[in-house]
């Protein structure tokens, strides 16, 4: 239930930030669609990886992968076409897993994986732009 609230809030944040810039409504709808597609493609990628390698990937990290996809799309959502959201989301799942594994290996106290979500996803989005 909490993930649904985060999904709605993150999409509304990205769309609301573009209202300030006076974008037309079609552009605002595309920003929302890009945000959702990037996040969901990241979550789907992570889910498929977890299904293939259950000893490496934890199902609990699926929420973090979704949020990393949203984080990756925050900066890119107003600049890319709809199809471009899929590769960004796909790569953000791997960035999330890499940063999450690094933080756990370094034994940094990050129970909600905020570093992996925002740094991993944000880095992926910045590279793809």
C-alpha atoms as a PDB file:
ATOM      1  CA  UNK A   1       0.000   0.000   0.000  1.00  0.00           C
ATOM      2  CA  UNK A   2       2.847   2.367   0.819  1.00  0.00           C
ATOM      3  CA  UNK A   3       4.439   1.764  -2.573  1.00  0.00           C
ATOM      4  CA  UNK A   4       1.245   2.838  -4.325  1.00  0.00           C
ATOM      5  CA  UNK A   5       1.261   6.094  -2.372  1.00  0.00           C
ATOM      6  CA  UNK A   6       4.910   6.664  -3.269  1.00  0.00           C
ATOM      7  CA  UNK A   7       4.184   5.954  -6.929  1.00  0.00           C
ATOM      8  CA  UNK A   8       1.376   8.487  -7.049  1.00  0.00           C
ATOM      9  CA  UNK A   9       3.348  11.062  -5.084  1.00  0.00           C
ATOM     10  CA  UNK A  10       6.503  10.727  -7.197  1.00  0.00           C
ATOM     11  CA  UNK A  11       4.561  10.995 -10.449  1.00  0.00           C
ATOM     12  CA  UNK A  12       2.631  13.997  -9.146  1.00  0.00           C
ATOM     13  CA  UNK A  13       5.898  15.614  -8.036  1.00  0.00           C
ATOM     14  CA  UNK A  14       7.435  15.266 -11.490  1.00  0.00           C
ATOM     15  CA  UNK A  15       4.305  16.504 -13.207  1.00  0.00           C
ATOM     16  CA  UNK A  16       3.795  19.332 -10.718  1.00  0.00           C
ATOM     17  CA  UNK A  17       7.341  20.599 -11.089  1.00  0.00           C
ATOM     18  CA  UNK A  18       6.718  20.996 -14.816  1.00  0.00           C
ATOM     19  CA  UNK A  19       3.594  23.105 -14.249  1.00  0.00           C
ATOM     20  CA  UNK A  20       5.847  25.819 -12.860  1.00  0.00           C
ATOM     21  CA  UNK A  21       7.733  25.925 -16.184  1.00  0.00           C
ATOM     22  CA  UNK A  22       4.493  26.515 -18.132  1.00  0.00           C
ATOM     23  CA  UNK A  23       4.684  23.334 -20.216  1.00  0.00           C
ATOM     24  CA  UNK A  24       1.611  22.441 -22.285  1.00  0.00           C
ATOM     25  CA  UNK A  25      -0.641  19.726 -20.877  1.00  0.00           C
ATOM     26  CA  UNK A  26       0.551  17.170 -23.442  1.00  0.00           C
ATOM     27  CA  UNK A  27       4.119  17.609 -22.181  1.00  0.00           C
ATOM     28  CA  UNK A  28       2.966  17.231 -18.565  1.00  0.00           C
ATOM     29  CA  UNK A  29       1.158  13.975 -19.426  1.00  0.00           C
ATOM     30  CA  UNK A  30       4.284  12.693 -21.168  1.00  0.00           C
ATOM     31  CA  UNK A  31       6.345  13.486 -18.061  1.00  0.00           C
ATOM     32  CA  UNK A  32       3.953  11.422 -15.951  1.00  0.00           C
ATOM     33  CA  UNK A  33       4.002   8.540 -18.425  1.00  0.00           C
ATOM     34  CA  UNK A  34       7.807   8.605 -18.611  1.00  0.00           C
ATOM     35  CA  UNK A  35       8.062   8.516 -14.830  1.00  0.00           C
ATOM     36  CA  UNK A  36       5.738   5.523 -14.547  1.00  0.00           C
ATOM     37  CA  UNK A  37       7.302   3.605 -17.445  1.00  0.00           C
ATOM     38  CA  UNK A  38      10.830   4.093 -16.113  1.00  0.00           C
ATOM     39  CA  UNK A  39       9.915   2.985 -12.626  1.00  0.00           C
ATOM     40  CA  UNK A  40       7.879  -0.001 -13.732  1.00  0.00           C
ATOM     41  CA  UNK A  41      10.510  -1.192 -16.200  1.00  0.00           C
ATOM     42  CA  UNK A  42      13.083  -1.030 -13.406  1.00  0.00           C
ATOM     43  CA  UNK A  43      10.797  -3.018 -11.126  1.00  0.00           C
ATOM     44  CA  UNK A  44      10.046  -5.577 -13.822  1.00  0.00           C
ATOM     45  CA  UNK A  45      13.740  -6.003 -14.592  1.00  0.00           C
ATOM     46  CA  UNK A  46      14.535  -6.504 -10.931  1.00  0.00           C
ATOM     47  CA  UNK A  47      11.627  -8.940 -10.534  1.00  0.00           C
ATOM     48  CA  UNK A  48      12.846 -11.043 -13.471  1.00  0.00           C
ATOM     49  CA  UNK A  49      16.390 -11.051 -12.088  1.00  0.00           C
ATOM     50  CA  UNK A  50      15.053 -12.082  -8.691  1.00  0.00           C
ATOM     51  CA  UNK A  51      13.081 -14.910 -10.294  1.00  0.00           C
ATOM     52  CA  UNK A  52      16.172 -16.205 -12.094  1.00  0.00           C
ATOM     53  CA  UNK A  53      18.642 -15.733  -9.231  1.00  0.00           C
ATOM     54  CA  UNK A  54      16.737 -15.963  -5.918  1.00  0.00           C
ATOM     55  CA  UNK A  55      19.913 -16.510  -3.915  1.00  0.00           C
ATOM     56  CA  UNK A  56      21.311 -13.105  -4.974  1.00  0.00           C
ATOM     57  CA  UNK A  57      18.268 -10.869  -5.290  1.00  0.00           C
ATOM     58  CA  UNK A  58      15.826 -10.415  -2.413  1.00  0.00           C
ATOM     59  CA  UNK A  59      12.168  -9.914  -3.185  1.00  0.00           C
ATOM     60  CA  UNK A  60      12.034  -7.147  -0.567  1.00  0.00           C
ATOM     61  CA  UNK A  61      14.310  -5.041  -2.753  1.00  0.00           C
ATOM     62  CA  UNK A  62      11.657  -4.826  -5.465  1.00  0.00           C
ATOM     63  CA  UNK A  63      10.252  -1.675  -3.884  1.00  0.00           C
ATOM     64  CA  UNK A  64      13.696  -0.104  -3.896  1.00  0.00           C
ATOM     65  CA  UNK A  65      14.167  -0.985  -7.565  1.00  0.00           C
ATOM     66  CA  UNK A  66      10.859   0.671  -8.441  1.00  0.00           C
ATOM     67  CA  UNK A  67      11.875   3.805  -6.578  1.00  0.00           C
ATOM     68  CA  UNK A  68      15.302   3.789  -8.230  1.00  0.00           C
ATOM     69  CA  UNK A  69      13.550   3.775 -11.602  1.00  0.00           C
ATOM     70  CA  UNK A  70      11.448   6.752 -10.532  1.00  0.00           C
ATOM     71  CA  UNK A  71      14.583   8.488  -9.315  1.00  0.00           C
ATOM     72  CA  UNK A  72      16.331   7.864 -12.624  1.00  0.00           C
ATOM     73  CA  UNK A  73      13.389   9.317 -14.527  1.00  0.00           C
ATOM     74  CA  UNK A  74      13.009  12.442 -12.380  1.00  0.00           C
ATOM     75  CA  UNK A  75      15.636  14.394 -14.269  1.00  0.00           C
ATOM     76  CA  UNK A  76      15.020  12.794 -17.644  1.00  0.00           C
ATOM     77  CA  UNK A  77      11.229  12.627 -17.843  1.00  0.00           C
ATOM     78  CA  UNK A  78      10.735  15.943 -19.607  1.00  0.00           C
ATOM     79  CA  UNK A  79      13.539  15.425 -22.123  1.00  0.00           C
ATOM     80  CA  UNK A  80      13.106  11.884 -23.453  1.00  0.00           C
ATOM     81  CA  UNK A  81      10.568  10.088 -25.608  1.00  0.00           C
ATOM     82  CA  UNK A  82       8.351   7.391 -24.151  1.00  0.00           C
ATOM     83  CA  UNK A  83      10.338   4.470 -25.551  1.00  0.00           C
ATOM     84  CA  UNK A  84      13.511   5.840 -23.953  1.00  0.00           C
ATOM     85  CA  UNK A  85      12.079   5.280 -20.476  1.00  0.00           C
ATOM     86  CA  UNK A  86      12.476   1.527 -20.833  1.00  0.00           C
ATOM     87  CA  UNK A  87      16.289   1.382 -21.174  1.00  0.00           C
ATOM     88  CA  UNK A  88      16.695   3.967 -18.423  1.00  0.00           C
ATOM     89  CA  UNK A  89      14.518   1.918 -16.094  1.00  0.00           C
ATOM     90  CA  UNK A  90      16.242  -1.302 -17.135  1.00  0.00           C
ATOM     91  CA  UNK A  91      19.688   0.064 -16.287  1.00  0.00           C
ATOM     92  CA  UNK A  92      18.537   1.687 -13.060  1.00  0.00           C
ATOM     93  CA  UNK A  93      17.673  -1.770 -11.674  1.00  0.00           C
ATOM     94  CA  UNK A  94      21.307  -2.785 -12.126  1.00  0.00           C
ATOM     95  CA  UNK A  95      22.586   0.495 -10.695  1.00  0.00           C
ATOM     96  CA  UNK A  96      20.309   0.018  -7.691  1.00  0.00           C
ATOM     97  CA  UNK A  97      21.556  -3.522  -7.144  1.00  0.00           C
ATOM     98  CA  UNK A  98      25.204  -2.471  -7.490  1.00  0.00           C
ATOM     99  CA  UNK A  99      24.996   0.449  -5.079  1.00  0.00           C
ATOM    100  CA  UNK A 100      22.864  -1.545  -2.642  1.00  0.00           C
ATOM    101  CA  UNK A 101      25.408  -4.363  -2.623  1.00  0.00           C
ATOM    102  CA  UNK A 102      28.251  -1.894  -2.129  1.00  0.00           C
ATOM    103  CA  UNK A 103      26.516  -0.209   0.806  1.00  0.00           C
ATOM    104  CA  UNK A 104      25.851  -3.589   2.426  1.00  0.00           C
ATOM    105  CA  UNK A 105      29.452  -4.702   1.836  1.00  0.00           C
ATOM    106  CA  UNK A 106      30.750  -1.490   3.428  1.00  0.00           C
ATOM    107  CA  UNK A 107      28.357  -2.142   6.350  1.00  0.00           C
ATOM    108  CA  UNK A 108      26.812   1.306   6.133  1.00  0.00           C
ATOM    109  CA  UNK A 109      23.630   1.667   8.168  1.00  0.00           C
ATOM    110  CA  UNK A 110      20.987   2.321   5.501  1.00  0.00           C
ATOM    111  CA  UNK A 111      17.858   0.337   6.408  1.00  0.00           C
ATOM    112  CA  UNK A 112      15.600   1.875   3.760  1.00  0.00           C
ATOM    113  CA  UNK A 113      18.319   1.847   1.059  1.00  0.00           C
ATOM    114  CA  UNK A 114      18.015   5.568   0.415  1.00  0.00           C
ATOM    115  CA  UNK A 115      21.577   5.717  -0.923  1.00  0.00           C
ATOM    116  CA  UNK A 116      20.968   2.975  -3.473  1.00  0.00           C
ATOM    117  CA  UNK A 117      17.635   4.438  -4.532  1.00  0.00           C
ATOM    118  CA  UNK A 118      18.688   8.046  -4.944  1.00  0.00           C
ATOM    119  CA  UNK A 119      22.366   7.728  -5.830  1.00  0.00           C
ATOM    120  CA  UNK A 120      22.056   4.602  -7.972  1.00  0.00           C
ATOM    121  CA  UNK A 121      18.902   5.698  -9.760  1.00  0.00           C
ATOM    122  CA  UNK A 122      19.969   9.314 -10.024  1.00  0.00           C
ATOM    123  CA  UNK A 123      23.374   8.382 -11.422  1.00  0.00           C
ATOM    124  CA  UNK A 124      21.735   6.153 -14.012  1.00  0.00           C
ATOM    125  CA  UNK A 125      19.358   8.931 -15.052  1.00  0.00           C
ATOM    126  CA  UNK A 126      22.178  11.473 -15.268  1.00  0.00           C
ATOM    127  CA  UNK A 127      24.290   9.161 -17.431  1.00  0.00           C
ATOM    128  CA  UNK A 128      21.435   8.456 -19.843  1.00  0.00           C
ATOM    129  CA  UNK A 129      20.526  12.108 -20.320  1.00  0.00           C
END
